[in-house]
Amino acid sequence: MKLKALLVDDEINILRNLQAVVPWDNLEIELIGTARNGQQALELARELRPQLILCDIRMPVMDGIEFLGALREFDTEAEVIMMTGYQDFNYVRSVIRYEVKDYILKPIDYEELANTIKRLAEGIRERSAEQYFMQQEWKQVYSLAYEKVLYDRLVDLGVSSTSPLLNLREEESDNLAFAMMLVDVADYSKKERTWDEKERKLWNFAVHNILQENLISYGVPHSVLQVRGGEWCVLIERIPPDLFDREQSLLWAVNLRHAVQSYLKLSIRVALHPSEVILEQLARTYKSLQRSLHLSPAKDTGIIVSERIRGIADTSEQLWDRIEEMVTGLKRCDRRSTEIALKALNDSFRELPENSFERVAPIVHYLCIHLLREMRAMEVMTREEEIAIWRQIDQHHGIRETLLVINRLVDQSIESVMKKKTSDVLMLSARDYIERNLSMELSIDMLADYLGISGSYFSLLFKQHIGETFVEYVTKQRMEMAKSLLALSDKSVTQVGQMVGYVERRYFTRVFSKYTGMLPSEFRERHQNQAGEERPAWGASK
């Protein structure tokens, strides 16, 4: 980091000596100007903002002490070295209140001065680095907290998300509105059945990053929220007085779909809301987009504009509503609401005329898969139980058989949810949070605050439920993801490190080497031929 310095003295020879004798280039300091009095120095300081100022005390027009007083009115950070030929303590005392760090007597000992400048420059750089990292950490914490507010509004589980955080933004939350779209991997349930846990995490991580990288390139404020496996809600802020631009939003949706297809060879479908969405409408609009995406007659269409779907019977929408009520009840651990919704679903089927079964059956089949996907995200069944349910879905396509599967699935899920302790639910939320934010700074205090418990209690629960410490678990998740990215993508080592939460390549390399016993480049070289033609070579480094 190159610093800027300003020299102030009324004696031209001293200015020339300071310029010539002090090794400014070696100290990585740029001389941005010289001044013959305090008035000239003040004008240069306002315009150029030097971080280091060498200033004489006795000068015409405006002396050094008066200059210091004026400087501190708009710049409290610049380091100042005062120079004088007067060994009078009154001068020293008069500048102390302006936080002058050093006092050099004339005739100047240039070696001593160079050492003093070097020491102050190191201090400036250390403070700048600390401020930078604090700012980055704050931005990251703020971003996570902001996205949590949006996520809570989106899933609407009865959690009261107040808006003080949103009021910290430049726009007032009352004016905050979004272009909103729902991104879903086509036939995700079928694909997920063929993946192991590591592959599932990698594919979801890859899609999320492709969406994020492309939205960043558009230069618009946005959030990408993963609601469940294979599904993301994209919120692009509309900044007043800009109006919602439907054509622009459609273009974004097309570009996102093309990017995922191009990089991952994976097909996604996107449902776009036709108008802007305010904060209070997020949950309702999310359900509307889900319904449009999955109940639309044109299921092969890549981009769907979510408007009232004509040609879909009210019965189909009622069935969807019953399924959604059951899912919400289960997520809230509300047995009564879930059972009421299940009874309403069964009653709706009993009222269906026989001649409508064939038309409704495909929709009921999808609703069963949708429900299973939600249960998978809630981890209310084992892998073996899930496989058994899939076997039943594959074998039975009739409406009565599918209804029986739904009833068994809900009954089984209710029992599983009711058995979960509060601590189980907390740790499930913690693991989900970690998985969704591997690229961000993660800490015990951050997770504890997210869950609403103390840091010490979180550490205790985490160790009891996961079997390893928080740091061990996060490091393991990051390293396993890094291994997959190195083996299956063309991202550079630095980019891979940043994607799994390590800003500095050197630190990432050290942690990776300790975990795997080899350098990231060595690991990639050893595994580069093992992925074969199916590897998702996404985001090639430039």
Protein backbone atom coordinates (compact mmCIF):
# COMPACT_ATOMS: atom_id res chain seq x y z
CA MET A 1 0.00 0.00 0.00
CA LYS A 2 1.59 3.26 -1.16
CA LEU A 3 1.04 6.21 1.17
CA LYS A 4 0.78 9.92 0.33
CA ALA A 5 2.93 12.56 2.06
CA LEU A 6 2.87 16.36 2.16
CA LEU A 7 5.89 18.55 3.05
CA VAL A 8 5.31 21.97 4.65
CA ASP A 9 8.14 24.44 5.40
CA ASP A 10 8.83 28.07 4.53
CA GLU A 11 12.53 27.36 3.86
CA ILE A 12 13.02 26.17 0.28
CA ASN A 13 16.34 24.44 1.07
CA ILE A 14 14.77 22.32 3.78
CA LEU A 15 12.00 21.29 1.39
CA ARG A 16 14.58 20.29 -1.22
CA ASN A 17 16.60 18.31 1.33
CA LEU A 18 13.50 16.51 2.58
CA GLN A 19 12.63 15.56 -1.00
CA ALA A 20 16.14 14.39 -1.87
CA VAL A 21 17.51 12.79 1.30
CA VAL A 22 14.60 10.79 2.72
CA PRO A 23 14.28 7.42 0.82
CA TRP A 24 10.61 7.90 -0.10
CA ASP A 25 10.53 5.18 -2.78
CA ASN A 26 12.00 2.58 -0.41
CA LEU A 27 9.40 3.58 2.17
CA GLU A 28 6.67 3.22 -0.51
CA ILE A 29 5.54 6.79 0.03
CA GLU A 30 4.55 9.21 -2.74
CA LEU A 31 5.27 12.92 -2.28
CA ILE A 32 2.09 14.59 -3.47
CA GLY A 33 3.11 18.19 -2.86
CA THR A 34 5.00 20.87 -0.97
CA ALA A 35 3.76 24.05 0.70
CA ARG A 36 5.53 27.18 1.97
CA ASN A 37 2.93 28.05 4.63
CA GLY A 38 -0.06 26.63 6.48
CA GLN A 39 -2.63 28.19 4.14
CA GLN A 40 -1.15 26.47 1.07
CA ALA A 41 -0.83 23.22 3.03
CA LEU A 42 -4.47 23.38 4.09
CA GLU A 43 -5.65 23.69 0.48
CA LEU A 44 -3.49 20.74 -0.60
CA ALA A 45 -4.61 18.63 2.38
CA ARG A 46 -8.29 19.22 1.55
CA GLU A 47 -7.78 18.29 -2.09
CA LEU A 48 -5.26 15.42 -1.89
CA ARG A 49 -5.83 13.92 1.60
CA PRO A 50 -2.24 12.94 2.53
CA GLN A 51 -1.81 10.28 5.22
CA LEU A 52 1.50 11.72 6.43
CA ILE A 53 2.43 15.41 6.87
CA LEU A 54 5.82 16.86 7.80
CA CYS A 55 5.21 20.42 8.97
CA ASP A 56 7.28 23.33 10.31
CA ILE A 57 5.86 25.35 13.19
CA ARG A 58 7.16 28.86 12.44
CA MET A 59 5.82 29.98 9.01
CA PRO A 60 4.33 33.17 7.52
CA VAL A 61 0.62 33.64 6.67
CA MET A 62 -0.48 30.63 8.76
CA ASP A 63 1.89 28.89 11.18
CA GLY A 64 2.03 25.14 11.84
CA ILE A 65 -0.09 25.21 15.01
CA GLU A 66 -2.91 27.15 13.34
CA PHE A 67 -2.67 24.78 10.36
CA LEU A 68 -3.01 21.77 12.68
CA GLY A 69 -6.15 23.19 14.27
CA ALA A 70 -7.76 23.75 10.87
CA LEU A 71 -6.62 20.33 9.58
CA ARG A 72 -8.23 18.46 12.49
CA GLU A 73 -11.60 19.98 11.65
CA PHE A 74 -11.86 17.77 8.56
CA ASP A 75 -9.08 15.15 8.92
CA THR A 76 -8.44 13.40 12.22
CA GLU A 77 -6.52 10.48 10.72
CA ALA A 78 -3.43 12.03 9.07
CA GLU A 79 -0.18 11.51 10.96
CA VAL A 80 1.78 14.73 11.53
CA ILE A 81 5.49 15.20 12.32
CA MET A 82 6.25 18.74 13.54
CA MET A 83 9.65 20.32 12.78
CA THR A 84 11.10 23.32 14.59
CA GLY A 85 14.38 24.96 15.56
CA TYR A 86 12.95 26.07 18.93
CA GLN A 87 13.45 23.76 21.92
CA ASP A 88 10.55 25.31 23.80
CA PHE A 89 8.17 23.04 25.68
CA ASN A 90 5.35 25.50 25.09
CA TYR A 91 5.44 24.59 21.40
CA VAL A 92 5.33 20.88 22.21
CA ARG A 93 2.47 21.35 24.66
CA SER A 94 0.47 23.38 22.14
CA VAL A 95 0.52 20.63 19.50
CA ILE A 96 -0.16 17.67 21.80
CA ARG A 97 -3.90 18.34 21.75
CA TYR A 98 -3.85 17.89 17.96
CA GLU A 99 -2.50 14.32 18.30
CA VAL A 100 0.92 15.03 16.80
CA LYS A 101 2.94 11.81 17.08
CA ASP A 102 6.48 13.16 16.71
CA TYR A 103 8.51 16.32 17.14
CA ILE A 104 11.77 16.76 15.15
CA LEU A 105 14.32 19.43 16.05
CA LYS A 106 16.30 21.38 13.48
CA PRO A 107 18.97 20.93 12.24
CA ILE A 108 17.32 17.73 11.11
CA ASP A 109 18.93 14.34 11.70
CA TYR A 110 17.75 12.72 8.45
CA GLU A 111 18.50 9.16 9.56
CA GLU A 112 16.40 9.69 12.66
CA LEU A 113 13.68 11.30 10.54
CA ALA A 114 13.66 8.37 8.08
CA ASN A 115 13.26 5.89 10.95
CA THR A 116 10.43 7.98 12.40
CA ILE A 117 8.67 8.15 9.03
CA LYS A 118 9.09 4.38 8.58
CA ARG A 119 7.58 3.68 12.02
CA LEU A 120 4.60 5.96 11.45
CA ALA A 121 4.04 4.55 7.94
CA GLU A 122 3.91 1.01 9.35
CA GLY A 123 1.33 2.16 11.89
CA ILE A 124 -0.77 3.81 9.17
CA ARG A 125 -0.71 0.62 7.07
CA GLU A 126 -1.64 -1.57 10.05
CA ARG A 127 -4.60 0.67 10.90
CA SER A 128 -5.70 0.77 7.26
CA ALA A 129 -5.57 -3.03 7.06
CA GLU A 130 -7.55 -3.36 10.29
CA GLN A 131 -10.16 -0.87 9.08
CA TYR A 132 -10.43 -2.67 5.74
CA PHE A 133 -10.97 -6.06 7.34
CA MET A 134 -13.44 -4.59 9.83
CA GLN A 135 -15.37 -3.00 6.97
CA GLN A 136 -15.37 -6.27 5.01
CA GLU A 137 -16.48 -8.20 8.08
CA TRP A 138 -19.25 -5.71 8.75
CA LYS A 139 -20.42 -5.86 5.14
CA GLN A 140 -20.48 -9.65 5.35
CA VAL A 141 -22.33 -9.71 8.67
CA TYR A 142 -24.78 -7.10 7.42
CA SER A 143 -25.34 -9.02 4.19
CA LEU A 144 -26.06 -12.24 6.07
CA ALA A 145 -28.36 -10.48 8.52
CA TYR A 146 -30.19 -8.71 5.69
CA GLU A 147 -30.65 -11.98 3.80
CA LYS A 148 -31.95 -13.63 6.99
CA VAL A 149 -34.64 -10.94 7.25
CA LEU A 150 -35.61 -11.60 3.62
CA TYR A 151 -35.52 -15.38 4.14
CA ASP A 152 -37.75 -15.16 7.22
CA ARG A 153 -40.23 -13.05 5.28
CA LEU A 154 -40.06 -15.46 2.36
CA VAL A 155 -40.76 -18.70 4.22
CA ASP A 156 -43.18 -16.99 6.65
CA LEU A 157 -42.98 -19.46 9.54
CA GLY A 158 -44.59 -17.10 11.99
CA VAL A 159 -41.24 -15.52 12.91
CA SER A 160 -41.57 -11.82 13.52
CA SER A 161 -38.90 -10.12 11.42
CA THR A 162 -38.80 -6.47 12.25
CA SER A 163 -37.38 -3.91 9.86
CA PRO A 164 -34.78 -1.83 11.81
CA LEU A 165 -32.03 -3.61 9.88
CA LEU A 166 -33.65 -2.73 6.59
CA ASN A 167 -33.79 0.91 7.63
CA LEU A 168 -29.99 0.95 7.68
CA ARG A 169 -30.08 0.76 3.90
CA GLU A 170 -30.01 3.84 1.72
CA GLU A 171 -33.62 3.22 0.75
CA GLU A 172 -36.28 3.13 3.45
CA SER A 173 -37.83 -0.30 3.87
CA ASP A 174 -41.25 1.20 3.02
CA ASN A 175 -39.94 1.90 -0.49
CA LEU A 176 -38.04 -1.36 -0.85
CA ALA A 177 -39.32 -3.46 -3.75
CA PHE A 178 -37.96 -6.28 -5.87
CA ALA A 179 -38.04 -7.96 -9.23
CA MET A 180 -38.67 -11.51 -8.04
CA MET A 181 -38.05 -14.83 -9.74
CA LEU A 182 -37.94 -18.46 -8.66
CA VAL A 183 -35.24 -20.71 -10.12
CA ASP A 184 -35.73 -24.47 -10.04
CA VAL A 185 -33.57 -27.28 -11.41
CA ALA A 186 -35.66 -29.25 -13.93
CA ASP A 187 -36.53 -32.75 -12.67
CA TYR A 188 -34.52 -32.09 -9.52
CA SER A 189 -36.16 -34.90 -7.55
CA LYS A 190 -35.09 -37.49 -10.12
CA LYS A 191 -31.56 -36.10 -10.32
CA GLU A 192 -31.19 -35.95 -6.55
CA ARG A 193 -31.99 -39.66 -6.23
CA THR A 194 -28.84 -40.49 -8.22
CA TRP A 195 -26.52 -38.23 -6.16
CA ASP A 196 -24.81 -39.00 -2.90
CA GLU A 197 -24.66 -36.29 -0.22
CA LYS A 198 -21.37 -34.87 -1.51
CA GLU A 199 -22.65 -34.62 -5.09
CA ARG A 200 -25.91 -33.01 -3.92
CA LYS A 201 -24.03 -30.30 -2.03
CA LEU A 202 -21.69 -29.68 -4.95
CA TRP A 203 -24.44 -29.29 -7.55
CA ASN A 204 -26.45 -26.94 -5.31
CA PHE A 205 -23.31 -24.97 -4.49
CA ALA A 206 -22.42 -24.72 -8.18
CA VAL A 207 -25.83 -23.44 -9.28
CA HIS A 208 -25.93 -20.90 -6.45
CA ASN A 209 -22.52 -19.54 -7.44
CA ILE A 210 -23.42 -19.29 -11.14
CA LEU A 211 -26.54 -17.29 -10.23
CA GLN A 212 -24.55 -15.09 -7.84
CA GLU A 213 -21.67 -14.44 -10.26
CA ASN A 214 -23.98 -13.44 -13.10
CA LEU A 215 -26.10 -11.14 -10.95
CA ILE A 216 -22.93 -9.42 -9.71
CA SER A 217 -21.92 -8.84 -13.34
CA TYR A 218 -25.26 -7.05 -13.94
CA GLY A 219 -24.27 -4.47 -11.31
CA VAL A 220 -27.62 -4.57 -9.50
CA PRO A 221 -28.25 -5.00 -5.74
CA HIS A 222 -29.60 -8.51 -5.27
CA SER A 223 -30.03 -11.52 -2.98
CA VAL A 224 -29.98 -15.21 -3.93
CA LEU A 225 -31.81 -17.24 -1.28
CA GLN A 226 -31.83 -21.03 -1.42
CA VAL A 227 -35.21 -22.09 -0.07
CA ARG A 228 -34.73 -25.83 -0.52
CA GLY A 229 -32.61 -28.26 -2.54
CA GLY A 230 -32.60 -27.29 -6.22
CA GLU A 231 -34.64 -24.12 -5.68
CA TRP A 232 -33.55 -20.49 -5.29
CA CYS A 233 -35.44 -17.25 -4.94
CA VAL A 234 -33.72 -14.36 -6.72
CA LEU A 235 -34.58 -10.86 -5.48
CA ILE A 236 -33.28 -7.89 -7.48
CA GLU A 237 -33.85 -4.58 -5.75
CA ARG A 238 -35.65 -1.80 -7.53
CA ILE A 239 -34.07 1.46 -6.43
CA PRO A 240 -36.53 4.40 -6.41
CA PRO A 241 -37.33 6.31 -8.52
CA ASP A 242 -36.56 3.54 -11.06
CA LEU A 243 -39.66 1.66 -12.16
CA PHE A 244 -40.06 -2.10 -12.51
CA ASP A 245 -38.89 -3.11 -15.99
CA ARG A 246 -40.54 -6.35 -17.05
CA GLU A 247 -38.50 -6.72 -20.24
CA GLN A 248 -35.24 -6.21 -18.34
CA SER A 249 -36.31 -8.79 -15.75
CA LEU A 250 -37.13 -11.26 -18.51
CA LEU A 251 -33.69 -10.68 -20.02
CA TRP A 252 -32.06 -11.37 -16.62
CA ALA A 253 -34.05 -14.60 -16.32
CA VAL A 254 -33.03 -15.73 -19.82
CA ASN A 255 -29.36 -14.92 -19.12
CA LEU A 256 -29.37 -16.80 -15.80
CA ARG A 257 -30.91 -19.85 -17.43
CA HIS A 258 -28.38 -19.75 -20.26
CA ALA A 259 -25.45 -19.37 -17.82
CA VAL A 260 -26.41 -22.44 -15.79
CA GLN A 261 -27.01 -24.46 -18.95
CA SER A 262 -23.73 -23.31 -20.48
CA TYR A 263 -21.49 -23.88 -17.44
CA LEU A 264 -23.15 -26.87 -15.79
CA LYS A 265 -25.05 -28.54 -18.64
CA LEU A 266 -27.99 -28.42 -16.25
CA SER A 267 -31.46 -27.28 -17.24
CA ILE A 268 -33.31 -24.87 -14.98
CA ARG A 269 -36.75 -23.31 -15.18
CA VAL A 270 -37.49 -19.77 -14.03
CA ALA A 271 -40.81 -18.30 -12.90
CA LEU A 272 -40.89 -14.50 -12.99
CA HIS A 273 -43.44 -12.35 -11.18
CA PRO A 274 -44.92 -9.84 -13.68
CA SER A 275 -44.66 -6.80 -11.38
CA GLU A 276 -42.57 -5.49 -8.51
CA VAL A 277 -42.94 -7.15 -5.10
CA ILE A 278 -42.79 -5.31 -1.78
CA LEU A 279 -41.46 -6.81 1.45
CA GLU A 280 -44.86 -7.81 2.84
CA GLN A 281 -45.70 -9.72 -0.36
CA LEU A 282 -42.61 -11.98 -0.42
CA ALA A 283 -44.19 -15.10 1.15
CA ARG A 284 -47.39 -14.91 -0.90
CA THR A 285 -45.49 -14.26 -4.13
CA TYR A 286 -43.08 -17.13 -3.43
CA LYS A 287 -46.01 -19.56 -3.17
CA SER A 288 -47.52 -18.07 -6.33
CA LEU A 289 -44.27 -18.56 -8.24
CA GLN A 290 -43.99 -22.16 -7.03
CA ARG A 291 -47.52 -22.84 -8.18
CA SER A 292 -46.94 -21.23 -11.58
CA LEU A 293 -43.69 -23.12 -12.09
CA HIS A 294 -45.07 -26.54 -11.26
CA LEU A 295 -48.75 -26.38 -12.24
CA SER A 296 -48.28 -24.57 -15.53
CA PRO A 297 -49.50 -26.66 -18.50
CA ALA A 298 -46.34 -25.64 -20.42
CA LYS A 299 -43.89 -27.49 -18.19
CA ASP A 300 -41.23 -27.61 -20.89
CA THR A 301 -41.07 -23.81 -21.09
CA GLY A 302 -37.85 -22.50 -19.56
CA ILE A 303 -39.22 -19.06 -18.57
CA ILE A 304 -42.71 -18.68 -17.11
CA VAL A 305 -44.31 -15.34 -16.25
CA SER A 306 -46.41 -15.98 -13.17
CA GLU A 307 -49.88 -14.75 -13.95
CA ARG A 308 -53.23 -16.31 -13.14
CA ILE A 309 -52.96 -19.68 -14.86
CA ARG A 310 -55.92 -20.19 -17.18
CA GLY A 311 -57.00 -23.72 -17.86
CA ILE A 312 -56.02 -24.97 -14.41
CA ALA A 313 -59.13 -26.01 -12.53
CA ASP A 314 -59.86 -24.44 -9.16
CA THR A 315 -59.67 -27.99 -7.78
CA SER A 316 -55.99 -28.25 -8.70
CA GLU A 317 -55.24 -24.97 -6.93
CA GLN A 318 -57.14 -26.14 -3.85
CA LEU A 319 -55.10 -29.35 -3.78
CA TRP A 320 -51.90 -27.28 -3.97
CA ASP A 321 -53.13 -25.10 -1.09
CA ARG A 322 -53.80 -28.16 1.09
CA ILE A 323 -50.28 -29.48 0.45
CA GLU A 324 -48.80 -26.09 1.30
CA GLU A 325 -50.82 -25.91 4.52
CA MET A 326 -49.46 -29.33 5.52
CA VAL A 327 -45.87 -28.30 4.77
CA THR A 328 -46.26 -25.08 6.79
CA GLY A 329 -47.80 -27.00 9.69
CA LEU A 330 -44.93 -29.48 9.73
CA LYS A 331 -42.30 -26.72 9.58
CA ARG A 332 -43.97 -25.05 12.55
CA CYS A 333 -44.24 -28.39 14.40
CA ASP A 334 -48.01 -27.79 14.49
CA ARG A 335 -49.66 -31.22 14.53
CA ARG A 336 -53.21 -29.86 14.61
CA SER A 337 -52.82 -27.59 11.55
CA THR A 338 -51.09 -30.40 9.62
CA GLU A 339 -53.83 -32.93 10.41
CA ILE A 340 -56.59 -30.43 9.52
CA ALA A 341 -54.92 -29.77 6.15
CA LEU A 342 -54.54 -33.52 5.51
CA LYS A 343 -58.23 -34.09 6.31
CA ALA A 344 -59.20 -31.24 3.96
CA LEU A 345 -57.06 -32.83 1.23
CA ASN A 346 -58.76 -36.22 1.67
CA ASP A 347 -62.20 -34.57 1.69
CA SER A 348 -61.37 -32.75 -1.55
CA PHE A 349 -60.55 -36.06 -3.24
CA ARG A 350 -63.78 -37.68 -2.03
CA GLU A 351 -65.74 -34.85 -3.64
CA LEU A 352 -64.03 -35.26 -7.01
CA PRO A 353 -66.22 -36.80 -9.71
CA GLU A 354 -64.84 -40.06 -11.16
CA ASN A 355 -64.48 -38.60 -14.65
CA SER A 356 -61.99 -35.95 -13.42
CA PHE A 357 -59.51 -38.48 -11.95
CA GLU A 358 -57.52 -38.87 -15.15
CA ARG A 359 -57.12 -35.11 -15.53
CA VAL A 360 -56.15 -34.52 -11.89
CA ALA A 361 -53.90 -37.59 -11.44
CA PRO A 362 -50.70 -36.04 -12.97
CA ILE A 363 -51.08 -32.99 -10.74
CA VAL A 364 -51.58 -35.14 -7.64
CA HIS A 365 -48.51 -37.16 -8.63
CA TYR A 366 -46.46 -33.97 -8.82
CA LEU A 367 -47.87 -32.72 -5.49
CA CYS A 368 -46.70 -35.96 -3.88
CA ILE A 369 -43.18 -35.41 -5.26
CA HIS A 370 -43.31 -31.77 -4.10
CA LEU A 371 -44.27 -32.86 -0.59
CA LEU A 372 -41.49 -35.46 -0.51
CA ARG A 373 -39.01 -32.81 -1.62
CA GLU A 374 -40.10 -30.58 1.26
CA MET A 375 -39.75 -33.45 3.73
CA ARG A 376 -36.28 -34.16 2.36
CA ALA A 377 -35.29 -30.56 3.03
CA MET A 378 -36.62 -30.84 6.62
CA GLU A 379 -34.70 -34.09 7.21
CA VAL A 380 -37.71 -35.82 8.77
CA MET A 381 -36.94 -39.20 7.21
CA THR A 382 -33.98 -41.47 6.74
CA ARG A 383 -32.46 -42.22 3.35
CA GLU A 384 -33.94 -45.73 3.47
CA GLU A 385 -37.43 -44.38 4.23
CA GLU A 386 -37.11 -41.92 1.37
CA ILE A 387 -36.11 -44.69 -1.08
CA ALA A 388 -39.13 -46.73 0.04
CA ILE A 389 -41.47 -43.77 -0.62
CA TRP A 390 -39.93 -43.24 -4.06
CA ARG A 391 -40.51 -46.91 -4.85
CA GLN A 392 -44.20 -46.48 -4.03
CA ILE A 393 -44.45 -43.31 -6.13
CA ASP A 394 -42.83 -45.03 -9.12
CA GLN A 395 -45.09 -48.08 -8.85
CA HIS A 396 -48.42 -46.29 -8.36
CA HIS A 397 -49.61 -43.53 -10.67
CA GLY A 398 -53.35 -43.80 -9.90
CA ILE A 399 -54.97 -41.03 -7.89
CA ARG A 400 -56.09 -43.29 -5.00
CA GLU A 401 -52.66 -44.95 -4.65
CA THR A 402 -50.90 -41.58 -4.76
CA LEU A 403 -53.26 -40.25 -2.09
CA LEU A 404 -52.36 -43.22 0.13
CA VAL A 405 -48.67 -42.41 -0.33
CA ILE A 406 -49.32 -38.78 0.66
CA ASN A 407 -51.19 -39.89 3.79
CA ARG A 408 -48.39 -42.26 4.84
CA LEU A 409 -45.77 -39.60 4.14
CA VAL A 410 -47.55 -36.95 6.23
CA ASP A 411 -48.29 -39.36 9.11
CA GLN A 412 -44.66 -40.46 9.15
CA SER A 413 -43.43 -36.86 8.99
CA ILE A 414 -45.71 -35.70 11.83
CA GLU A 415 -44.32 -38.38 14.14
CA SER A 416 -40.75 -37.54 13.15
CA VAL A 417 -41.26 -33.80 13.66
CA MET A 418 -42.95 -34.29 17.04
CA LYS A 419 -40.05 -36.45 18.26
CA LYS A 420 -37.49 -33.80 17.44
CA LYS A 421 -36.24 -31.91 20.47
CA THR A 422 -35.72 -28.18 20.38
CA SER A 423 -31.97 -28.80 20.32
CA ASP A 424 -32.37 -31.09 17.28
CA VAL A 425 -34.21 -28.36 15.39
CA LEU A 426 -31.57 -25.78 16.37
CA MET A 427 -28.73 -27.95 15.11
CA LEU A 428 -30.60 -28.73 11.89
CA SER A 429 -30.92 -24.98 11.32
CA ALA A 430 -27.23 -24.50 12.16
CA ARG A 431 -26.10 -27.12 9.63
CA ASP A 432 -28.39 -25.66 6.96
CA TYR A 433 -27.04 -22.16 7.66
CA ILE A 434 -23.43 -23.35 7.41
CA GLU A 435 -24.10 -25.18 4.14
CA ARG A 436 -25.74 -22.09 2.61
CA ASN A 437 -22.96 -19.73 3.72
CA LEU A 438 -19.69 -21.65 3.29
CA SER A 439 -18.20 -18.78 1.28
CA MET A 440 -18.86 -16.27 4.06
CA GLU A 441 -17.15 -15.59 7.37
CA LEU A 442 -18.63 -17.99 9.94
CA SER A 443 -18.23 -17.82 13.71
CA ILE A 444 -19.79 -19.29 16.85
CA ASP A 445 -21.17 -15.88 17.87
CA MET A 446 -22.70 -15.39 14.42
CA LEU A 447 -24.47 -18.76 14.48
CA ALA A 448 -25.54 -18.36 18.09
CA ASP A 449 -27.03 -14.96 17.31
CA TYR A 450 -28.80 -16.42 14.26
CA LEU A 451 -30.36 -19.14 16.43
CA GLY A 452 -31.10 -16.80 19.34
CA ILE A 453 -29.00 -18.64 21.94
CA SER A 454 -25.75 -17.93 23.77
CA GLY A 455 -22.38 -18.78 22.23
CA SER A 456 -21.43 -21.17 25.04
CA TYR A 457 -24.75 -23.06 24.79
CA PHE A 458 -24.38 -23.27 21.00
CA SER A 459 -20.86 -24.73 21.33
CA LEU A 460 -22.11 -27.33 23.80
CA LEU A 461 -25.09 -28.37 21.65
CA PHE A 462 -23.00 -28.47 18.49
CA LYS A 463 -20.39 -30.78 20.01
CA GLN A 464 -23.10 -33.06 21.46
CA HIS A 465 -25.11 -33.37 18.24
CA ILE A 466 -22.44 -33.20 15.53
CA GLY A 467 -19.66 -35.01 17.39
CA GLU A 468 -16.98 -32.42 16.62
CA THR A 469 -16.32 -28.78 17.38
CA PHE A 470 -17.76 -25.96 15.29
CA VAL A 471 -14.35 -25.07 13.82
CA GLU A 472 -13.58 -28.72 12.99
CA TYR A 473 -16.96 -29.17 11.29
CA VAL A 474 -16.80 -25.94 9.25
CA THR A 475 -13.21 -26.65 8.17
CA LYS A 476 -14.18 -30.17 7.10
CA GLN A 477 -17.17 -28.92 5.08
CA ARG A 478 -15.04 -26.26 3.40
CA MET A 479 -12.21 -28.63 2.60
CA GLU A 480 -14.53 -31.28 1.15
CA MET A 481 -16.21 -28.65 -1.01
CA ALA A 482 -12.79 -27.31 -2.07
CA LYS A 483 -11.69 -30.83 -3.07
CA SER A 484 -14.77 -31.21 -5.25
CA LEU A 485 -14.31 -27.79 -6.85
CA LEU A 486 -10.63 -28.43 -7.58
CA ALA A 487 -11.41 -31.80 -9.12
CA LEU A 488 -14.54 -30.84 -11.06
CA SER A 489 -14.20 -27.18 -12.02
CA ASP A 490 -11.73 -24.95 -13.83
CA LYS A 491 -11.76 -22.26 -11.15
CA SER A 492 -8.32 -21.07 -10.08
CA VAL A 493 -6.96 -22.09 -6.66
CA THR A 494 -7.50 -18.52 -5.42
CA GLN A 495 -11.11 -18.52 -6.64
CA VAL A 496 -11.80 -21.91 -5.05
CA GLY A 497 -10.40 -20.65 -1.76
CA GLN A 498 -12.61 -17.57 -1.87
CA MET A 499 -15.67 -19.66 -2.74
CA VAL A 500 -15.22 -21.73 0.42
CA GLY A 501 -14.53 -18.81 2.72
CA TYR A 502 -10.79 -18.12 2.50
CA VAL A 503 -9.88 -14.63 1.27
CA GLU A 504 -6.13 -15.23 1.23
CA ARG A 505 -4.73 -17.95 -1.04
CA ARG A 506 -1.76 -18.54 1.28
CA TYR A 507 -3.99 -19.34 4.27
CA PHE A 508 -6.30 -21.51 2.17
CA THR A 509 -3.27 -23.46 0.86
CA ARG A 510 -1.97 -24.00 4.39
CA VAL A 511 -5.32 -25.30 5.70
CA PHE A 512 -5.88 -27.46 2.60
CA SER A 513 -2.39 -28.96 2.82
CA LYS A 514 -2.88 -29.81 6.49
CA TYR A 515 -6.25 -31.44 5.73
CA THR A 516 -5.27 -33.44 2.62
CA GLY A 517 -1.49 -33.75 2.88
CA MET A 518 -0.95 -32.06 -0.50
CA LEU A 519 -1.10 -28.64 -2.10
CA PRO A 520 -4.33 -27.62 -3.91
CA SER A 521 -2.46 -27.64 -7.25
CA GLU A 522 -1.12 -31.14 -6.53
CA PHE A 523 -4.60 -32.37 -5.61
CA ARG A 524 -6.05 -30.93 -8.83
CA GLU A 525 -3.31 -32.49 -10.97
CA ARG A 526 -3.86 -35.89 -9.37
CA HIS A 527 -7.62 -35.79 -9.90
CA GLN A 528 -7.95 -33.84 -13.14
CA ASN A 529 -8.48 -36.96 -15.25
CA GLN A 530 -10.82 -38.78 -12.86
CA ALA A 531 -14.00 -36.77 -13.40
CA GLY A 532 -14.34 -37.78 -17.08
CA GLU A 533 -16.65 -36.17 -19.58
CA GLU A 534 -19.44 -35.60 -17.07
CA ARG A 535 -17.57 -33.09 -14.96
CA PRO A 536 -19.26 -29.66 -14.61
CA ALA A 537 -16.44 -27.46 -15.94
CA TRP A 538 -18.11 -24.28 -14.75
CA GLY A 539 -16.65 -20.82 -14.46
CA ALA A 540 -13.31 -21.31 -16.23
CA SER A 541 -10.70 -18.99 -14.80
CA LYS A 542 -9.38 -16.29 -17.10
